[in-house]
Structures are given as structure tokens and as C-alpha cells.
């Protein structure tokens, strides 16, 4: 197995090319720019499970988000890379996708889940770990795999990548009539519910 590169090697590459990255953002990047492929290659030389998001204000502060795309086995690598980041004027380096809330929808293949209208029901796995059931309009059982993947993406972005790892199972169903009477809560309240659950477990 090839030896992984040190995080310092990634930041050495970044120091040489961050002006080119800023130019790509300024010119409305399409995703096909060679410098983005180089960025990913340099990052995955440290760990092949690492990815990135790039955005922000091209004339002000740009954000480089280092993400493991929800793969918790790669979380230490994310933390290691971000901890080694040098101070670069005009750049903010962020570990893990930050929480976005649920004012958006996710589409994947035949599935569409609107975070603004979806519901959640707390569940527990056989091992006693936290899980959720997501209820959404338009759910079709024959497309369950598509809906399951869309729900995972929704939680990953809505909760933020680090918090989303606390969810150890996701079930998706069609929104029932009177969801509140069946133990469902609005999905927009999930982050608050999980924070309360953590604080209760700590006492």
C-alpha cells in the first residue's frame, strides 16, 4: 500500500495555487477546471476518502471546506488536514460541511425530499443508537433506495457533516395524515432535538 502524503504537502500545493483557485471562483467555476482536479488529487494523496467544497466571496473571504462526505472513518484525516492549515489571507479553512438547516430540497434519481415540509420520528437501533424515520410527500416504496440516499444527503447538509454522524439509521416513509399524532416532528426541529438529547445524556 502506498504511503499517504503528509498534510503539509497538501498545504504546500495550496500555497502555490490558491490564487488560481480564487480566479476559478471569480470566473464562475463549472467544475471542469484542471486546478480543481489538482486540488482533489493533492487532498486525496493524504487520504483517498477526503473531498472538498469551495465557495465564498471571490473578492473577499473564500471558504475551503474539507469533508469526508459523511464517512466517519475519515474524520480524523479531516481534522488532521485542517489542523495543519497555514494562515492564508483571504481564506477560511473549515473542517466538515457546516449545518445549513432544512430550507432546501434534495433530488436524487426518482426521489425528491423537501426539507421545509418533511417530518422526522426518533427511532432506536437494535444496539440502542439513535436513528430517524423521515416522512416526505411523494415517497414511493419501489424507489426506496433513491429516497434513502436523498435522505442521507439531506441530513448530511441540514445537520452538518459532524452532527449527522450521530444518526445511525435512516428510514423513509410517505407523510401520514396527522403526522404529529403519530409521533412525527417537523424536520427543521431535528438539530434542536438532537442537541437536547445530547445534553440529557450528559447529565
Protein backbone atom coordinates (compact mmCIF):
# COMPACT_ATOMS: atom_id res chain seq x y z
CA UNK A 1 0.00 0.00 0.00
CA UNK A 2 1.33 3.43 -0.96
CA UNK A 3 2.27 5.70 1.89
CA UNK A 4 -0.14 8.60 2.39
CA UNK A 5 1.21 12.10 1.89
CA UNK A 6 1.66 14.35 4.89
CA UNK A 7 -0.95 17.15 5.26
CA UNK A 8 1.93 19.62 4.91
CA UNK A 9 2.37 18.52 1.30
CA UNK A 10 -1.23 19.42 0.56
CA UNK A 11 -0.81 22.87 2.08
CA UNK A 12 2.41 23.38 0.15
CA UNK A 13 0.41 22.76 -3.04
CA UNK A 14 -2.35 25.09 -1.81
CA UNK A 15 0.15 27.87 -1.08
CA UNK A 16 1.35 27.69 -4.67
CA UNK A 17 -2.11 27.56 -6.27
CA UNK A 18 -4.60 29.41 -4.06
CA UNK A 19 -4.55 32.44 -6.39
CA UNK A 20 -5.60 30.14 -9.26
CA UNK A 21 -8.40 28.75 -7.14
CA UNK A 22 -9.62 32.28 -6.41
CA UNK A 23 -9.60 33.04 -10.14
CA UNK A 24 -11.73 29.96 -10.80
CA UNK A 25 -14.34 31.10 -8.26
CA UNK A 26 -14.25 34.65 -9.64
CA UNK A 27 -14.89 33.32 -13.16
CA UNK A 28 -17.90 31.20 -12.06
CA UNK A 29 -16.35 27.74 -11.91
CA UNK A 30 -18.02 24.98 -13.89
CA UNK A 31 -16.30 22.09 -12.10
CA UNK A 32 -14.23 21.16 -15.15
CA UNK A 33 -11.25 23.39 -14.35
CA UNK A 34 -7.92 21.47 -14.15
CA UNK A 35 -6.90 23.24 -10.94
CA UNK A 36 -9.90 21.69 -9.17
CA UNK A 37 -8.77 18.23 -10.28
CA UNK A 38 -5.30 19.06 -8.96
CA UNK A 39 -6.78 20.20 -5.66
CA UNK A 40 -8.66 16.94 -5.25
CA UNK A 41 -5.61 14.88 -6.21
CA UNK A 42 -3.42 16.71 -3.69
CA UNK A 43 -6.03 16.24 -0.98
CA UNK A 44 -6.64 12.56 -1.72
CA UNK A 45 -2.91 11.92 -1.68
CA UNK A 46 -3.30 12.48 2.08
CA UNK A 47 -6.39 10.28 2.32
CA UNK A 48 -8.45 8.94 -0.63
CA UNK A 49 -11.66 9.48 1.35
CA UNK A 50 -11.21 13.25 1.55
CA UNK A 51 -13.18 15.70 -0.60
CA UNK A 52 -13.67 19.44 -0.69
CA UNK A 53 -16.18 22.24 -1.21
CA UNK A 54 -15.09 25.62 -2.45
CA UNK A 55 -17.06 28.83 -2.24
CA UNK A 56 -17.50 32.22 -0.68
CA UNK A 57 -16.73 35.71 -1.93
CA UNK A 58 -14.13 35.78 -4.69
CA UNK A 59 -13.40 39.43 -3.85
CA UNK A 60 -13.31 38.79 -0.09
CA UNK A 61 -13.03 35.65 2.02
CA UNK A 62 -13.16 32.30 0.27
CA UNK A 63 -14.01 29.09 2.10
CA UNK A 64 -12.32 25.75 1.62
CA UNK A 65 -14.34 23.03 3.32
CA UNK A 66 -12.53 19.73 3.88
CA UNK A 67 -15.08 16.94 4.06
CA UNK A 68 -15.20 13.17 4.43
CA UNK A 69 -18.64 13.08 2.78
CA UNK A 70 -20.08 11.52 5.93
CA UNK A 71 -17.51 8.70 6.12
CA UNK A 72 -16.70 8.83 9.83
CA UNK A 73 -13.63 6.59 9.34
CA UNK A 74 -12.04 9.54 7.54
CA UNK A 75 -13.00 12.15 10.16
CA UNK A 76 -9.53 12.03 11.82
CA UNK A 77 -7.94 12.76 8.43
CA UNK A 78 -10.20 15.81 8.00
CA UNK A 79 -9.19 17.09 11.42
CA UNK A 80 -5.50 16.44 10.74
CA UNK A 81 -5.52 18.33 7.44
CA UNK A 82 -7.43 21.33 8.85
CA UNK A 83 -5.23 21.46 11.97
CA UNK A 84 -2.16 21.76 9.71
CA UNK A 85 -3.63 24.61 7.63
CA UNK A 86 -1.43 27.69 7.43
CA UNK A 87 -2.92 31.17 7.76
CA UNK A 88 -3.69 32.34 4.23
CA UNK A 89 -5.05 35.88 3.83
CA UNK A 90 -8.50 35.85 2.23
CA UNK A 91 -9.14 32.18 3.01
CA UNK A 92 -11.09 30.35 5.69
CA UNK A 93 -10.47 26.61 6.08
CA UNK A 94 -13.36 24.67 7.58
CA UNK A 95 -13.49 21.09 8.87
CA UNK A 96 -16.63 19.24 7.77
CA UNK A 97 -19.70 20.52 5.97
CA UNK A 98 -21.35 23.15 8.17
CA UNK A 99 -25.06 22.88 9.02
CA UNK A 100 -27.40 24.52 6.51
CA UNK A 101 -30.75 23.95 8.19
CA UNK A 102 -33.53 22.39 6.15
CA UNK A 103 -34.81 25.22 3.97
CA UNK A 104 -33.93 23.34 0.78
CA UNK A 105 -34.81 20.20 -1.12
CA UNK A 106 -32.73 17.28 -2.34
CA UNK A 107 -33.28 15.36 -5.54
CA UNK A 108 -31.67 12.01 -6.36
CA UNK A 109 -32.74 9.92 -9.33
CA UNK A 110 -36.52 9.40 -8.82
CA UNK A 111 -36.56 10.82 -5.29
CA UNK A 112 -37.28 14.34 -4.09
CA UNK A 113 -37.39 15.36 -0.42
CA UNK A 114 -38.27 18.91 0.59
CA UNK A 115 -36.65 19.71 3.94
CA UNK A 116 -39.17 22.51 4.57
CA UNK A 117 -42.14 20.12 4.61
CA UNK A 118 -40.54 16.83 5.73
CA UNK A 119 -41.02 15.29 9.18
CA UNK A 120 -38.90 13.08 11.43
CA UNK A 121 -39.65 10.44 14.05
CA UNK A 122 -36.95 9.43 16.56
CA UNK A 123 -36.04 5.75 16.45
CA UNK A 124 -33.53 3.48 18.13
CA UNK A 125 -31.44 0.75 16.50
CA UNK A 126 -31.14 -2.74 17.98
CA UNK A 127 -27.88 -1.56 19.56
CA UNK A 128 -29.66 1.37 21.19
CA UNK A 129 -28.19 4.00 18.88
CA UNK A 130 -30.10 6.99 17.58
CA UNK A 131 -31.90 6.67 14.25
CA UNK A 132 -34.67 8.54 12.48
CA UNK A 133 -37.63 7.92 10.24
CA UNK A 134 -38.09 10.64 7.62
CA UNK A 135 -41.59 11.24 6.27
CA UNK A 136 -41.96 13.10 2.99
CA UNK A 137 -44.61 13.74 0.40
CA UNK A 138 -44.21 11.73 -2.77
CA UNK A 139 -42.40 8.75 -1.24
CA UNK A 140 -42.66 5.64 -3.42
CA UNK A 141 -41.70 2.31 -1.88
CA UNK A 142 -40.43 0.96 -5.21
CA UNK A 143 -37.85 3.77 -5.21
CA UNK A 144 -36.82 3.31 -1.58
CA UNK A 145 -33.09 3.20 -2.36
CA UNK A 146 -33.30 6.56 -4.12
CA UNK A 147 -35.22 8.08 -1.21
CA UNK A 148 -32.82 6.61 1.36
CA UNK A 149 -29.84 8.18 -0.42
CA UNK A 150 -31.66 11.52 -0.77
CA UNK A 151 -32.50 11.45 2.96
CA UNK A 152 -28.86 10.79 3.84
CA UNK A 153 -27.75 13.77 1.72
CA UNK A 154 -30.46 15.93 3.28
CA UNK A 155 -29.34 15.15 6.83
CA UNK A 156 -25.65 15.50 5.94
CA UNK A 157 -26.20 19.04 4.67
CA UNK A 158 -29.00 20.07 7.00
CA UNK A 159 -27.35 18.96 10.26
CA UNK A 160 -23.79 19.44 9.15
CA UNK A 161 -21.48 16.54 8.49
CA UNK A 162 -20.17 16.20 12.06
CA UNK A 163 -23.61 16.09 13.74
CA UNK A 164 -25.09 13.86 11.04
CA UNK A 165 -22.72 11.06 12.10
CA UNK A 166 -24.84 10.71 15.27
CA UNK A 167 -27.68 9.32 13.14
CA UNK A 168 -27.08 5.58 12.85
CA UNK A 169 -30.04 4.65 10.70
CA UNK A 170 -32.50 6.33 8.34
CA UNK A 171 -35.89 5.02 7.30
CA UNK A 172 -38.07 6.87 4.79
CA UNK A 173 -41.86 6.72 4.55
CA UNK A 174 -44.67 8.69 2.97
CA UNK A 175 -46.02 11.50 5.14
CA UNK A 176 -49.00 10.11 7.08
CA UNK A 177 -52.16 12.04 7.76
CA UNK A 178 -51.85 13.99 11.05
CA UNK A 179 -48.11 13.26 11.42
CA UNK A 180 -47.88 14.91 14.85
CA UNK A 181 -50.38 12.44 16.31
CA UNK A 182 -48.16 9.60 15.04
CA UNK A 183 -45.03 10.85 16.81
CA UNK A 184 -43.52 12.91 13.99
CA UNK A 185 -41.93 16.33 14.41
CA UNK A 186 -41.04 18.90 11.72
CA UNK A 187 -37.62 18.08 10.26
CA UNK A 188 -36.46 21.65 10.88
CA UNK A 189 -36.54 20.80 14.62
CA UNK A 190 -34.18 17.81 14.30
CA UNK A 191 -30.95 19.67 15.20
CA UNK A 192 -32.58 21.11 18.32
CA UNK A 193 -33.95 17.69 19.26
CA UNK A 194 -30.51 16.09 18.91
CA UNK A 195 -28.86 18.86 20.96
CA UNK A 196 -31.41 18.27 23.72
CA UNK A 197 -30.78 14.53 23.51
CA UNK A 198 -27.02 15.07 23.88
CA UNK A 199 -27.44 17.40 26.86
CA UNK A 200 -29.77 14.94 28.56
CA UNK A 201 -27.29 12.08 28.04
CA UNK A 202 -24.52 14.21 29.58
CA UNK A 203 -26.41 14.76 32.85
